[in-house]
C-alpha cells in the first residue's frame, strides 16, 4: 500500500514538473487508480504491454467507453510508464479499439442565441454575451481579468487557453457600455475587499513570489469573481479569490441539453481555500475560437491523442492537431441580437 501511495505522489510531482493542466492531473491519477484496481493492486513496474492491452480492451468491450475515453486512459498509462517508471512500452497491437463515430457539430442559430440570452439577466447575461460575441469557452470567459480588457481597441486577451496559448479576440461594441458598468460595480467591490483586508486573487504559478502585491492589484482582479471561498488547487493563498462559479449551464431553447458545453481546466482541490469555477457548460459561437467541432477534434490534445495509422497504437505522444484559424468574417461584426 505504501509503495502505491509513493507512486501516486511521484506521478503527481512529474505532472506538475511539466505544468500539465490540473484536470489532466486528476484524470491521469484516476486512470492510474483504475489500472491498479483492474490488476488486483499489482505494481505497474511488474506489469507490461500485455497488461496495458488487457486493460484498454476491457474498457472498450466491457465498460463500453468512447474512443476519446479509451485514448485518455492510454495516454495516462503511457505517461506513467515513460515519465514515472522510465519504461518505454512497445507498439500496442492487440488492443480492441472503441468505435469512434462521426458527429456533426451543434451550432446555435442567431434566433436561438437571442432566445437563450433573453432568459438571462445581470452578470450571467454579460458572461453569456461575451462567450457568444467574443467566441470564448466558458472557463476562458470566467477567468478574464481586468487587465485582459482593452476597451479602447475593442479587444480582450485570452490567457493560457487550450494548449496553454494566448490569443486576442474582439470585444463586441454592443457590450462596451455593459462591460464599463460592470467594471464600475466591480471596482466598488474591490475597494471594499481591500478595506476589509481580504486575501487577493489567485495568481499563475510562482508569479505571487515574484510580485507579492500582484494579488491585490486592480488589474489582476477577476472580471467575474465568485462570492464565496471554495476548495481550490495548490499554489494559491488561503482565501484568495478566483473566477465565478457556473452551477447551471444554459440549455438550448427547445432542444433539451444538446448545446451543453465542455469545461476545460482545473478541478477543486482540498489543500487550499479560494474561489473556483466549476464550469459545466459552454455556449459556442458558430464561428468563434470556441465553436463546436466534430467528436475527436474538440478535446484537449494532452488528454485525447489522435489515433496513429496502422493496427497498433503509438506509444509516443502524438502531435497536436492543427487548428483552423478563427478569423471568420462574421466574427468581426458587433453583437446585435
C-alpha atoms as a PDB file:
ATOM      1  CA  UNK A   1       0.000   0.000   0.000  1.00  0.00           C
ATOM      2  CA  UNK A   2       2.796   2.419   0.876  1.00  0.00           C
ATOM      3  CA  UNK A   3       4.507   1.941  -2.471  1.00  0.00           C
ATOM      4  CA  UNK A   4       1.231   2.769  -4.216  1.00  0.00           C
ATOM      5  CA  UNK A   5       0.969   5.983  -2.194  1.00  0.00           C
ATOM      6  CA  UNK A   6       4.541   6.830  -3.163  1.00  0.00           C
ATOM      7  CA  UNK A   7       3.702   6.065  -6.807  1.00  0.00           C
ATOM      8  CA  UNK A   8       0.763   8.487  -6.787  1.00  0.00           C
ATOM      9  CA  UNK A   9       2.883  11.198  -5.162  1.00  0.00           C
ATOM     10  CA  UNK A  10       5.692  10.703  -7.671  1.00  0.00           C
ATOM     11  CA  UNK A  11       3.259  10.739 -10.605  1.00  0.00           C
ATOM     12  CA  UNK A  12       1.711  13.969  -9.348  1.00  0.00           C
ATOM     13  CA  UNK A  13       5.147  15.562  -8.982  1.00  0.00           C
ATOM     14  CA  UNK A  14       6.142  14.583 -12.530  1.00  0.00           C
ATOM     15  CA  UNK A  15       2.956  16.056 -13.966  1.00  0.00           C
ATOM     16  CA  UNK A  16       3.405  19.314 -12.077  1.00  0.00           C
ATOM     17  CA  UNK A  17       7.011  19.494 -13.214  1.00  0.00           C
ATOM     18  CA  UNK A  18       5.686  19.507 -16.781  1.00  0.00           C
ATOM     19  CA  UNK A  19       2.942  22.029 -15.903  1.00  0.00           C
ATOM     20  CA  UNK A  20       0.123  19.776 -17.049  1.00  0.00           C
ATOM     21  CA  UNK A  21      -3.361  21.141 -16.522  1.00  0.00           C
ATOM     22  CA  UNK A  22      -4.857  20.186 -13.180  1.00  0.00           C
ATOM     23  CA  UNK A  23      -7.738  18.453 -14.915  1.00  0.00           C
ATOM     24  CA  UNK A  24      -5.187  16.382 -16.781  1.00  0.00           C
ATOM     25  CA  UNK A  25      -3.561  15.570 -13.446  1.00  0.00           C
ATOM     26  CA  UNK A  26      -6.827  14.456 -11.887  1.00  0.00           C
ATOM     27  CA  UNK A  27      -7.762  12.409 -14.957  1.00  0.00           C
ATOM     28  CA  UNK A  28      -4.384  10.650 -15.135  1.00  0.00           C
ATOM     29  CA  UNK A  29      -4.418   9.799 -11.425  1.00  0.00           C
ATOM     30  CA  UNK A  30      -7.916   8.418 -11.779  1.00  0.00           C
ATOM     31  CA  UNK A  31      -6.808   6.138 -14.621  1.00  0.00           C
ATOM     32  CA  UNK A  32      -3.788   5.018 -12.625  1.00  0.00           C
ATOM     33  CA  UNK A  33      -6.071   4.101  -9.745  1.00  0.00           C
ATOM     34  CA  UNK A  34      -8.414   2.139 -12.036  1.00  0.00           C
ATOM     35  CA  UNK A  35      -5.475   0.406 -13.698  1.00  0.00           C
ATOM     36  CA  UNK A  36      -4.170  -0.778 -10.329  1.00  0.00           C
ATOM     37  CA  UNK A  37      -7.620  -1.973  -9.281  1.00  0.00           C
ATOM     38  CA  UNK A  38      -8.052  -3.890 -12.538  1.00  0.00           C
ATOM     39  CA  UNK A  39      -4.808  -5.791 -11.926  1.00  0.00           C
ATOM     40  CA  UNK A  40      -5.583  -6.509  -8.242  1.00  0.00           C
ATOM     41  CA  UNK A  41      -3.134  -3.980  -6.830  1.00  0.00           C
ATOM     42  CA  UNK A  42      -0.052  -5.215  -8.716  1.00  0.00           C
ATOM     43  CA  UNK A  43       2.635  -2.544  -9.083  1.00  0.00           C
ATOM     44  CA  UNK A  44       2.856  -1.151 -12.654  1.00  0.00           C
ATOM     45  CA  UNK A  45       6.589  -1.981 -12.788  1.00  0.00           C
ATOM     46  CA  UNK A  46       5.574  -5.657 -12.558  1.00  0.00           C
ATOM     47  CA  UNK A  47       3.171  -5.245 -15.479  1.00  0.00           C
ATOM     48  CA  UNK A  48       3.870  -4.561 -19.133  1.00  0.00           C
ATOM     49  CA  UNK A  49       2.394  -4.042 -22.592  1.00  0.00           C
ATOM     50  CA  UNK A  50       0.172  -7.154 -22.368  1.00  0.00           C
ATOM     51  CA  UNK A  51      -1.468  -5.927 -19.164  1.00  0.00           C
ATOM     52  CA  UNK A  52      -1.969  -2.462 -20.639  1.00  0.00           C
ATOM     53  CA  UNK A  53      -3.645  -4.002 -23.684  1.00  0.00           C
ATOM     54  CA  UNK A  54      -5.895  -6.097 -21.437  1.00  0.00           C
ATOM     55  CA  UNK A  55      -6.994  -3.022 -19.509  1.00  0.00           C
ATOM     56  CA  UNK A  56      -7.690  -0.921 -22.626  1.00  0.00           C
ATOM     57  CA  UNK A  57      -9.595  -3.804 -24.246  1.00  0.00           C
ATOM     58  CA  UNK A  58     -11.643  -4.224 -21.062  1.00  0.00           C
ATOM     59  CA  UNK A  59     -12.634  -0.563 -21.237  1.00  0.00           C
ATOM     60  CA  UNK A  60     -13.873  -0.878 -24.829  1.00  0.00           C
ATOM     61  CA  UNK A  61     -15.503  -4.324 -24.634  1.00  0.00           C
ATOM     62  CA  UNK A  62     -16.949  -4.470 -21.127  1.00  0.00           C
ATOM     63  CA  UNK A  63     -17.174  -0.861 -19.998  1.00  0.00           C
ATOM     64  CA  UNK A  64     -18.350   0.372 -23.426  1.00  0.00           C
ATOM     65  CA  UNK A  65     -16.351   3.609 -23.150  1.00  0.00           C
ATOM     66  CA  UNK A  66     -15.993   6.053 -26.027  1.00  0.00           C
ATOM     67  CA  UNK A  67     -12.908   6.261 -28.223  1.00  0.00           C
ATOM     68  CA  UNK A  68     -11.881   9.518 -26.560  1.00  0.00           C
ATOM     69  CA  UNK A  69     -12.109   7.965 -23.088  1.00  0.00           C
ATOM     70  CA  UNK A  70     -10.063   4.948 -24.146  1.00  0.00           C
ATOM     71  CA  UNK A  71      -7.465   7.261 -25.705  1.00  0.00           C
ATOM     72  CA  UNK A  72      -7.282   9.262 -22.496  1.00  0.00           C
ATOM     73  CA  UNK A  73      -6.640   6.079 -20.497  1.00  0.00           C
ATOM     74  CA  UNK A  74      -3.904   5.096 -22.947  1.00  0.00           C
ATOM     75  CA  UNK A  75      -2.213   8.472 -22.688  1.00  0.00           C
ATOM     76  CA  UNK A  76      -2.326   8.320 -18.879  1.00  0.00           C
ATOM     77  CA  UNK A  77      -0.644   4.914 -18.859  1.00  0.00           C
ATOM     78  CA  UNK A  78       1.964   5.996 -21.394  1.00  0.00           C
ATOM     79  CA  UNK A  79       2.815   8.944 -19.150  1.00  0.00           C
ATOM     80  CA  UNK A  80       3.084   6.636 -16.151  1.00  0.00           C
ATOM     81  CA  UNK A  81       5.449   4.214 -17.829  1.00  0.00           C
ATOM     82  CA  UNK A  82       7.565   6.719 -19.750  1.00  0.00           C
ATOM     83  CA  UNK A  83       7.919   9.628 -17.317  1.00  0.00           C
ATOM     84  CA  UNK A  84       7.421   7.990 -13.915  1.00  0.00           C
ATOM     85  CA  UNK A  85       8.729   4.434 -14.228  1.00  0.00           C
ATOM     86  CA  UNK A  86      11.188   5.072 -17.073  1.00  0.00           C
ATOM     87  CA  UNK A  87       9.806   2.156 -19.110  1.00  0.00           C
ATOM     88  CA  UNK A  88       9.186   2.513 -22.837  1.00  0.00           C
ATOM     89  CA  UNK A  89       6.197   0.415 -23.912  1.00  0.00           C
ATOM     90  CA  UNK A  90       6.333  -1.274 -27.327  1.00  0.00           C
ATOM     91  CA  UNK A  91       3.746  -0.837 -30.044  1.00  0.00           C
ATOM     92  CA  UNK A  92       0.335  -1.958 -28.737  1.00  0.00           C
ATOM     93  CA  UNK A  93      -1.063  -4.248 -31.426  1.00  0.00           C
ATOM     94  CA  UNK A  94      -3.699  -6.255 -29.571  1.00  0.00           C
ATOM     95  CA  UNK A  95      -5.990  -3.513 -28.296  1.00  0.00           C
ATOM     96  CA  UNK A  96      -9.678  -3.627 -29.196  1.00  0.00           C
ATOM     97  CA  UNK A  97     -10.456  -0.033 -30.036  1.00  0.00           C
ATOM     98  CA  UNK A  98     -13.667   1.678 -29.054  1.00  0.00           C
ATOM     99  CA  UNK A  99     -15.725   2.803 -32.041  1.00  0.00           C
ATOM    100  CA  UNK A 100     -15.254   6.437 -32.993  1.00  0.00           C
ATOM    101  CA  UNK A 101     -18.494   7.729 -34.543  1.00  0.00           C
ATOM    102  CA  UNK A 102     -18.662  10.782 -36.763  1.00  0.00           C
ATOM    103  CA  UNK A 103     -20.645  13.592 -35.158  1.00  0.00           C
ATOM    104  CA  UNK A 104     -21.954  16.822 -36.602  1.00  0.00           C
ATOM    105  CA  UNK A 105     -21.234  19.968 -34.584  1.00  0.00           C
ATOM    106  CA  UNK A 106     -24.051  21.594 -32.637  1.00  0.00           C
ATOM    107  CA  UNK A 107     -24.402  25.217 -33.768  1.00  0.00           C
ATOM    108  CA  UNK A 108     -26.912  27.719 -32.387  1.00  0.00           C
ATOM    109  CA  UNK A 109     -28.748  29.987 -34.798  1.00  0.00           C
ATOM    110  CA  UNK A 110     -28.990  33.713 -34.111  1.00  0.00           C
ATOM    111  CA  UNK A 111     -32.633  33.305 -33.122  1.00  0.00           C
ATOM    112  CA  UNK A 112     -31.775  30.537 -30.666  1.00  0.00           C
ATOM    113  CA  UNK A 113     -28.993  32.601 -29.122  1.00  0.00           C
ATOM    114  CA  UNK A 114     -31.339  35.563 -28.784  1.00  0.00           C
ATOM    115  CA  UNK A 115     -33.940  33.345 -27.090  1.00  0.00           C
ATOM    116  CA  UNK A 116     -31.330  31.950 -24.726  1.00  0.00           C
ATOM    117  CA  UNK A 117     -29.922  35.354 -23.755  1.00  0.00           C
ATOM    118  CA  UNK A 118     -33.453  36.653 -23.205  1.00  0.00           C
ATOM    119  CA  UNK A 119     -33.757  34.205 -20.289  1.00  0.00           C
ATOM    120  CA  UNK A 120     -30.722  35.716 -18.538  1.00  0.00           C
ATOM    121  CA  UNK A 121     -30.070  38.982 -16.767  1.00  0.00           C
ATOM    122  CA  UNK A 122     -27.295  40.742 -14.870  1.00  0.00           C
ATOM    123  CA  UNK A 123     -23.879  39.118 -14.678  1.00  0.00           C
ATOM    124  CA  UNK A 124     -24.979  35.751 -16.206  1.00  0.00           C
ATOM    125  CA  UNK A 125     -26.281  37.662 -19.226  1.00  0.00           C
ATOM    126  CA  UNK A 126     -22.988  39.536 -19.584  1.00  0.00           C
ATOM    127  CA  UNK A 127     -20.959  36.316 -19.307  1.00  0.00           C
ATOM    128  CA  UNK A 128     -23.101  34.525 -21.898  1.00  0.00           C
ATOM    129  CA  UNK A 129     -22.997  37.531 -24.242  1.00  0.00           C
ATOM    130  CA  UNK A 130     -19.184  37.612 -24.041  1.00  0.00           C
ATOM    131  CA  UNK A 131     -18.992  33.896 -24.760  1.00  0.00           C
ATOM    132  CA  UNK A 132     -21.109  34.312 -27.871  1.00  0.00           C
ATOM    133  CA  UNK A 133     -19.855  37.676 -29.101  1.00  0.00           C
ATOM    134  CA  UNK A 134     -16.139  37.028 -28.460  1.00  0.00           C
ATOM    135  CA  UNK A 135     -16.012  33.313 -29.251  1.00  0.00           C
ATOM    136  CA  UNK A 136     -14.876  32.252 -25.768  1.00  0.00           C
ATOM    137  CA  UNK A 137     -15.053  28.948 -23.980  1.00  0.00           C
ATOM    138  CA  UNK A 138     -16.783  29.077 -20.604  1.00  0.00           C
ATOM    139  CA  UNK A 139     -13.666  28.858 -18.434  1.00  0.00           C
ATOM    140  CA  UNK A 140     -11.934  31.403 -20.675  1.00  0.00           C
ATOM    141  CA  UNK A 141     -14.747  33.848 -20.007  1.00  0.00           C
ATOM    142  CA  UNK A 142     -14.854  33.185 -16.268  1.00  0.00           C
ATOM    143  CA  UNK A 143     -11.098  33.633 -15.930  1.00  0.00           C
ATOM    144  CA  UNK A 144     -10.893  37.005 -17.610  1.00  0.00           C
ATOM    145  CA  UNK A 145      -9.075  39.597 -15.512  1.00  0.00           C
ATOM    146  CA  UNK A 146      -9.428  43.357 -15.590  1.00  0.00           C
ATOM    147  CA  UNK A 147      -6.048  43.754 -17.283  1.00  0.00           C
ATOM    148  CA  UNK A 148      -7.189  41.497 -20.153  1.00  0.00           C
ATOM    149  CA  UNK A 149      -9.653  44.114 -21.396  1.00  0.00           C
ATOM    150  CA  UNK A 150      -8.636  46.731 -23.968  1.00  0.00           C
ATOM    151  CA  UNK A 151     -11.849  48.734 -24.219  1.00  0.00           C
ATOM    152  CA  UNK A 152     -10.317  51.492 -26.316  1.00  0.00           C
ATOM    153  CA  UNK A 153      -9.374  48.990 -29.030  1.00  0.00           C
ATOM    154  CA  UNK A 154     -12.449  46.802 -28.616  1.00  0.00           C
ATOM    155  CA  UNK A 155     -10.299  43.771 -27.778  1.00  0.00           C
ATOM    156  CA  UNK A 156      -9.766  41.302 -24.987  1.00  0.00           C
ATOM    157  CA  UNK A 157      -6.864  38.927 -24.365  1.00  0.00           C
ATOM    158  CA  UNK A 158      -7.457  35.276 -23.507  1.00  0.00           C
ATOM    159  CA  UNK A 159      -4.604  33.974 -21.342  1.00  0.00           C
ATOM    160  CA  UNK A 160      -3.472  30.348 -21.140  1.00  0.00           C
ATOM    161  CA  UNK A 161      -6.301  28.968 -23.228  1.00  0.00           C
ATOM    162  CA  UNK A 162      -6.442  25.423 -24.532  1.00  0.00           C
ATOM    163  CA  UNK A 163      -2.909  24.180 -25.103  1.00  0.00           C
ATOM    164  CA  UNK A 164      -1.515  26.957 -22.872  1.00  0.00           C
ATOM    165  CA  UNK A 165      -1.746  29.515 -25.696  1.00  0.00           C
ATOM    166  CA  UNK A 166      -2.748  33.183 -25.531  1.00  0.00           C
ATOM    167  CA  UNK A 167      -4.866  34.911 -28.156  1.00  0.00           C
ATOM    168  CA  UNK A 168      -6.552  38.243 -28.832  1.00  0.00           C
ATOM    169  CA  UNK A 169     -10.218  38.375 -29.795  1.00  0.00           C
ATOM    170  CA  UNK A 170     -12.843  41.044 -30.362  1.00  0.00           C
ATOM    171  CA  UNK A 171     -14.985  42.715 -27.706  1.00  0.00           C
ATOM    172  CA  UNK A 172     -18.421  43.391 -29.256  1.00  0.00           C
ATOM    173  CA  UNK A 173     -19.210  47.107 -29.455  1.00  0.00           C
ATOM    174  CA  UNK A 174     -22.750  46.405 -28.238  1.00  0.00           C
ATOM    175  CA  UNK A 175     -21.311  45.204 -24.925  1.00  0.00           C
ATOM    176  CA  UNK A 176     -18.954  48.120 -24.311  1.00  0.00           C
ATOM    177  CA  UNK A 177     -21.361  50.080 -22.079  1.00  0.00           C
ATOM    178  CA  UNK A 178     -22.365  46.941 -20.178  1.00  0.00           C
ATOM    179  CA  UNK A 179     -18.737  45.993 -19.538  1.00  0.00           C
ATOM    180  CA  UNK A 180     -17.892  49.501 -18.304  1.00  0.00           C
ATOM    181  CA  UNK A 181     -20.873  49.478 -15.930  1.00  0.00           C
ATOM    182  CA  UNK A 182     -19.814  46.057 -14.645  1.00  0.00           C
ATOM    183  CA  UNK A 183     -16.279  47.348 -14.067  1.00  0.00           C
ATOM    184  CA  UNK A 184     -17.625  50.260 -12.026  1.00  0.00           C
ATOM    185  CA  UNK A 185     -19.537  47.862  -9.764  1.00  0.00           C
ATOM    186  CA  UNK A 186     -16.519  45.585  -9.555  1.00  0.00           C
ATOM    187  CA  UNK A 187     -14.315  48.491  -8.544  1.00  0.00           C
ATOM    188  CA  UNK A 188     -16.592  49.280  -5.609  1.00  0.00           C
ATOM    189  CA  UNK A 189     -16.489  45.640  -4.522  1.00  0.00           C
ATOM    190  CA  UNK A 190     -12.706  45.593  -4.907  1.00  0.00           C
ATOM    191  CA  UNK A 191     -12.231  48.692  -2.744  1.00  0.00           C
ATOM    192  CA  UNK A 192     -14.459  47.162  -0.053  1.00  0.00           C
ATOM    193  CA  UNK A 193     -12.385  43.956  -0.169  1.00  0.00           C
ATOM    194  CA  UNK A 194      -9.213  45.986   0.291  1.00  0.00           C
ATOM    195  CA  UNK A 195     -10.742  47.961   3.157  1.00  0.00           C
ATOM    196  CA  UNK A 196     -11.525  44.681   4.923  1.00  0.00           C
ATOM    197  CA  UNK A 197      -8.040  43.389   4.092  1.00  0.00           C
ATOM    198  CA  UNK A 198      -9.397  40.292   2.381  1.00  0.00           C
ATOM    199  CA  UNK A 199      -6.965  37.992   0.516  1.00  0.00           C
ATOM    200  CA  UNK A 200      -6.161  38.821  -3.075  1.00  0.00           C
ATOM    201  CA  UNK A 201      -6.869  36.787  -6.181  1.00  0.00           C
ATOM    202  CA  UNK A 202      -5.126  33.600  -7.266  1.00  0.00           C
ATOM    203  CA  UNK A 203      -2.059  34.073  -9.476  1.00  0.00           C
ATOM    204  CA  UNK A 204      -0.481  31.859 -12.132  1.00  0.00           C
ATOM    205  CA  UNK A 205       2.177  29.506 -10.765  1.00  0.00           C
ATOM    206  CA  UNK A 206       5.028  31.350  -8.972  1.00  0.00           C
ATOM    207  CA  UNK A 207       4.022  34.872 -10.000  1.00  0.00           C
ATOM    208  CA  UNK A 208       2.972  35.616  -6.438  1.00  0.00           C
ATOM    209  CA  UNK A 209       6.549  35.152  -5.230  1.00  0.00           C
ATOM    210  CA  UNK A 210       7.928  37.416  -7.929  1.00  0.00           C
ATOM    211  CA  UNK A 211       5.315  40.127  -7.387  1.00  0.00           C
ATOM    212  CA  UNK A 212       3.997  39.712  -3.812  1.00  0.00           C
ATOM    213  CA  UNK A 213       1.426  42.507  -4.099  1.00  0.00           C
ATOM    214  CA  UNK A 214       0.057  41.490  -7.509  1.00  0.00           C
ATOM    215  CA  UNK A 215      -2.801  39.548  -5.915  1.00  0.00           C
ATOM    216  CA  UNK A 216      -4.330  42.758  -4.550  1.00  0.00           C
ATOM    217  CA  UNK A 217      -3.687  44.954  -7.594  1.00  0.00           C
ATOM    218  CA  UNK A 218      -6.730  46.132  -9.539  1.00  0.00           C
ATOM    219  CA  UNK A 219      -5.510  44.864 -12.897  1.00  0.00           C
ATOM    220  CA  UNK A 220      -5.208  41.274 -11.649  1.00  0.00           C
ATOM    221  CA  UNK A 221      -8.754  41.089 -10.290  1.00  0.00           C
ATOM    222  CA  UNK A 222     -11.084  38.629 -11.973  1.00  0.00           C
ATOM    223  CA  UNK A 223     -13.792  40.185 -14.095  1.00  0.00           C
ATOM    224  CA  UNK A 224     -16.344  37.751 -12.627  1.00  0.00           C
ATOM    225  CA  UNK A 225     -15.165  36.846  -9.107  1.00  0.00           C
ATOM    226  CA  UNK A 226     -17.006  34.262  -7.027  1.00  0.00           C
ATOM    227  CA  UNK A 227     -18.869  35.397  -3.941  1.00  0.00           C
ATOM    228  CA  UNK A 228     -17.589  32.699  -1.580  1.00  0.00           C
ATOM    229  CA  UNK A 229     -14.398  30.753  -0.922  1.00  0.00           C
ATOM    230  CA  UNK A 230     -14.314  27.128  -2.118  1.00  0.00           C
ATOM    231  CA  UNK A 231     -11.660  24.374  -2.230  1.00  0.00           C
ATOM    232  CA  UNK A 232      -9.020  25.119  -4.818  1.00  0.00           C
ATOM    233  CA  UNK A 233      -5.829  23.596  -6.277  1.00  0.00           C
ATOM    234  CA  UNK A 234      -2.418  24.060  -4.744  1.00  0.00           C
ATOM    235  CA  UNK A 235      -0.093  27.029  -5.231  1.00  0.00           C
ATOM    236  CA  UNK A 236      -2.792  29.510  -4.188  1.00  0.00           C
ATOM    237  CA  UNK A 237      -3.027  31.546  -0.950  1.00  0.00           C
ATOM    238  CA  UNK A 238      -5.764  30.600   1.502  1.00  0.00           C
ATOM    239  CA  UNK A 239      -8.953  32.551   0.900  1.00  0.00           C
ATOM    240  CA  UNK A 240      -7.801  34.015  -2.402  1.00  0.00           C
ATOM    241  CA  UNK A 241     -10.468  34.918  -4.913  1.00  0.00           C
ATOM    242  CA  UNK A 242     -10.841  33.106  -8.206  1.00  0.00           C
ATOM    243  CA  UNK A 243     -13.276  33.222 -11.127  1.00  0.00           C
ATOM    244  CA  UNK A 244     -17.008  32.915 -10.678  1.00  0.00           C
ATOM    245  CA  UNK A 245     -18.676  29.530 -10.398  1.00  0.00           C
ATOM    246  CA  UNK A 246     -21.171  28.449 -13.030  1.00  0.00           C
ATOM    247  CA  UNK A 247     -23.511  25.878 -11.469  1.00  0.00           C
ATOM    248  CA  UNK A 248     -26.331  25.904 -14.014  1.00  0.00           C
ATOM    249  CA  UNK A 249     -25.208  25.879 -17.667  1.00  0.00           C
ATOM    250  CA  UNK A 250     -27.634  27.407 -20.121  1.00  0.00           C
ATOM    251  CA  UNK A 251     -29.549  24.898 -22.158  1.00  0.00           C
ATOM    252  CA  UNK A 252     -30.512  25.294 -25.759  1.00  0.00           C
ATOM    253  CA  UNK A 253     -34.091  26.625 -26.090  1.00  0.00           C
ATOM    254  CA  UNK A 254     -36.463  23.958 -27.334  1.00  0.00           C
ATOM    255  CA  UNK A 255     -33.766  21.317 -27.869  1.00  0.00           C
ATOM    256  CA  UNK A 256     -33.029  19.819 -24.499  1.00  0.00           C
ATOM    257  CA  UNK A 257     -29.378  19.917 -23.467  1.00  0.00           C
ATOM    258  CA  UNK A 258     -27.648  19.367 -26.817  1.00  0.00           C
ATOM    259  CA  UNK A 259     -25.666  22.578 -26.567  1.00  0.00           C
ATOM    260  CA  UNK A 260     -24.368  21.998 -23.048  1.00  0.00           C
ATOM    261  CA  UNK A 261     -20.705  22.824 -23.329  1.00  0.00           C
ATOM    262  CA  UNK A 262     -17.450  21.427 -22.030  1.00  0.00           C
ATOM    263  CA  UNK A 263     -15.250  22.679 -19.254  1.00  0.00           C
ATOM    264  CA  UNK A 264     -11.514  22.793 -19.926  1.00  0.00           C
ATOM    265  CA  UNK A 265      -9.440  23.072 -16.881  1.00  0.00           C
ATOM    266  CA  UNK A 266      -8.947  22.843 -13.140  1.00  0.00           C
ATOM    267  CA  UNK A 267     -10.940  20.818 -10.631  1.00  0.00           C
ATOM    268  CA  UNK A 268     -11.355  21.813  -6.968  1.00  0.00           C
ATOM    269  CA  UNK A 269      -8.619  20.601  -4.632  1.00  0.00           C
ATOM    270  CA  UNK A 270      -8.982  20.427  -0.838  1.00  0.00           C
ATOM    271  CA  UNK A 271      -5.484  21.660   0.033  1.00  0.00           C
ATOM    272  CA  UNK A 272      -6.266  25.389  -0.022  1.00  0.00           C
ATOM    273  CA  UNK A 273      -9.302  27.653   0.064  1.00  0.00           C
ATOM    274  CA  UNK A 274     -10.290  30.115  -2.616  1.00  0.00           C
ATOM    275  CA  UNK A 275     -12.988  30.801  -5.145  1.00  0.00           C
ATOM    276  CA  UNK A 276     -13.169  28.421  -8.014  1.00  0.00           C
ATOM    277  CA  UNK A 277     -15.118  27.951 -11.252  1.00  0.00           C
ATOM    278  CA  UNK A 278     -16.981  24.715 -11.742  1.00  0.00           C
ATOM    279  CA  UNK A 279     -17.509  25.065 -15.455  1.00  0.00           C
ATOM    280  CA  UNK A 280     -20.016  22.590 -16.778  1.00  0.00           C
ATOM    281  CA  UNK A 281     -21.275  24.303 -19.900  1.00  0.00           C
ATOM    282  CA  UNK A 282     -20.011  26.306 -22.851  1.00  0.00           C
ATOM    283  CA  UNK A 283     -22.113  28.371 -25.245  1.00  0.00           C
ATOM    284  CA  UNK A 284     -20.304  28.128 -28.551  1.00  0.00           C
ATOM    285  CA  UNK A 285     -20.162  30.947 -31.084  1.00  0.00           C
ATOM    286  CA  UNK A 286     -20.822  29.391 -34.514  1.00  0.00           C
ATOM    287  CA  UNK A 287     -17.642  30.888 -35.988  1.00  0.00           C
ATOM    288  CA  UNK A 288     -15.541  31.665 -32.917  1.00  0.00           C
ATOM    289  CA  UNK A 289     -12.492  30.009 -31.419  1.00  0.00           C
ATOM    290  CA  UNK A 290     -14.787  28.039 -29.101  1.00  0.00           C
ATOM    291  CA  UNK A 291     -17.071  26.751 -31.868  1.00  0.00           C
ATOM    292  CA  UNK A 292     -18.298  23.188 -31.599  1.00  0.00           C
ATOM    293  CA  UNK A 293     -16.342  20.655 -33.608  1.00  0.00           C
ATOM    294  CA  UNK A 294     -16.948  17.009 -34.541  1.00  0.00           C
ATOM    295  CA  UNK A 295     -16.166  14.449 -31.895  1.00  0.00           C
ATOM    296  CA  UNK A 296     -12.447  13.858 -31.619  1.00  0.00           C
ATOM    297  CA  UNK A 297     -11.387  17.404 -32.501  1.00  0.00           C
ATOM    298  CA  UNK A 298     -12.850  19.383 -29.605  1.00  0.00           C
ATOM    299  CA  UNK A 299     -10.774  17.647 -26.949  1.00  0.00           C
ATOM    300  CA  UNK A 300      -7.518  18.803 -25.394  1.00  0.00           C
ATOM    301  CA  UNK A 301      -4.535  17.206 -27.141  1.00  0.00           C
ATOM    302  CA  UNK A 302      -2.889  16.216 -23.869  1.00  0.00           C
ATOM    303  CA  UNK A 303      -6.000  14.266 -22.836  1.00  0.00           C
ATOM    304  CA  UNK A 304      -7.187  12.721 -26.084  1.00  0.00           C
ATOM    305  CA  UNK A 305      -4.399  11.849 -28.548  1.00  0.00           C
ATOM    306  CA  UNK A 306      -5.120  11.128 -32.165  1.00  0.00           C
ATOM    307  CA  UNK A 307      -5.016   7.543 -33.339  1.00  0.00           C
ATOM    308  CA  UNK A 308      -1.900   6.528 -35.222  1.00  0.00           C
ATOM    309  CA  UNK A 309      -2.124   4.853 -38.606  1.00  0.00           C
ATOM    310  CA  UNK A 310      -1.943   1.099 -38.872  1.00  0.00           C
ATOM    311  CA  UNK A 311      -3.078  -1.601 -36.482  1.00  0.00           C
ATOM    312  CA  UNK A 312      -1.283  -0.618 -33.329  1.00  0.00           C
ATOM    313  CA  UNK A 313      -1.321   2.422 -31.118  1.00  0.00           C
ATOM    314  CA  UNK A 314       1.655   4.722 -30.922  1.00  0.00           C
ATOM    315  CA  UNK A 315       3.469   4.698 -27.616  1.00  0.00           C
ATOM    316  CA  UNK A 316       4.930   8.169 -28.219  1.00  0.00           C
ATOM    317  CA  UNK A 317       2.884  11.353 -27.642  1.00  0.00           C
ATOM    318  CA  UNK A 318       1.032  12.412 -30.825  1.00  0.00           C
ATOM    319  CA  UNK A 319       1.366  15.806 -32.392  1.00  0.00           C
ATOM    320  CA  UNK A 320      -1.434  18.205 -31.550  1.00  0.00           C
ATOM    321  CA  UNK A 321      -3.947  18.608 -34.376  1.00  0.00           C
ATOM    322  CA  UNK A 322      -3.602  21.756 -36.456  1.00  0.00           C
ATOM    323  CA  UNK A 323      -6.136  24.386 -35.515  1.00  0.00           C
ATOM    324  CA  UNK A 324      -8.086  26.210 -38.148  1.00  0.00           C
ATOM    325  CA  UNK A 325      -7.796  29.992 -37.938  1.00  0.00           C
ATOM    326  CA  UNK A 326     -10.767  31.562 -36.216  1.00  0.00           C
ATOM    327  CA  UNK A 327     -10.690  34.761 -38.240  1.00  0.00           C
ATOM    328  CA  UNK A 328     -14.042  34.260 -39.922  1.00  0.00           C
ATOM    329  CA  UNK A 329     -15.514  37.406 -41.381  1.00  0.00           C
ATOM    330  CA  UNK A 330     -18.721  37.086 -39.360  1.00  0.00           C
ATOM    331  CA  UNK A 331     -16.723  37.272 -36.117  1.00  0.00           C
ATOM    332  CA  UNK A 332     -15.825  40.871 -36.908  1.00  0.00           C
ATOM    333  CA  UNK A 333     -19.363  42.128 -36.643  1.00  0.00           C
ATOM    334  CA  UNK A 334     -20.788  43.593 -33.426  1.00  0.00           C
ATOM    335  CA  UNK A 335     -23.211  41.682 -31.246  1.00  0.00           C
ATOM    336  CA  UNK A 336     -26.660  42.807 -32.338  1.00  0.00           C
ATOM    337  CA  UNK A 337     -29.274  40.411 -31.032  1.00  0.00           C
END
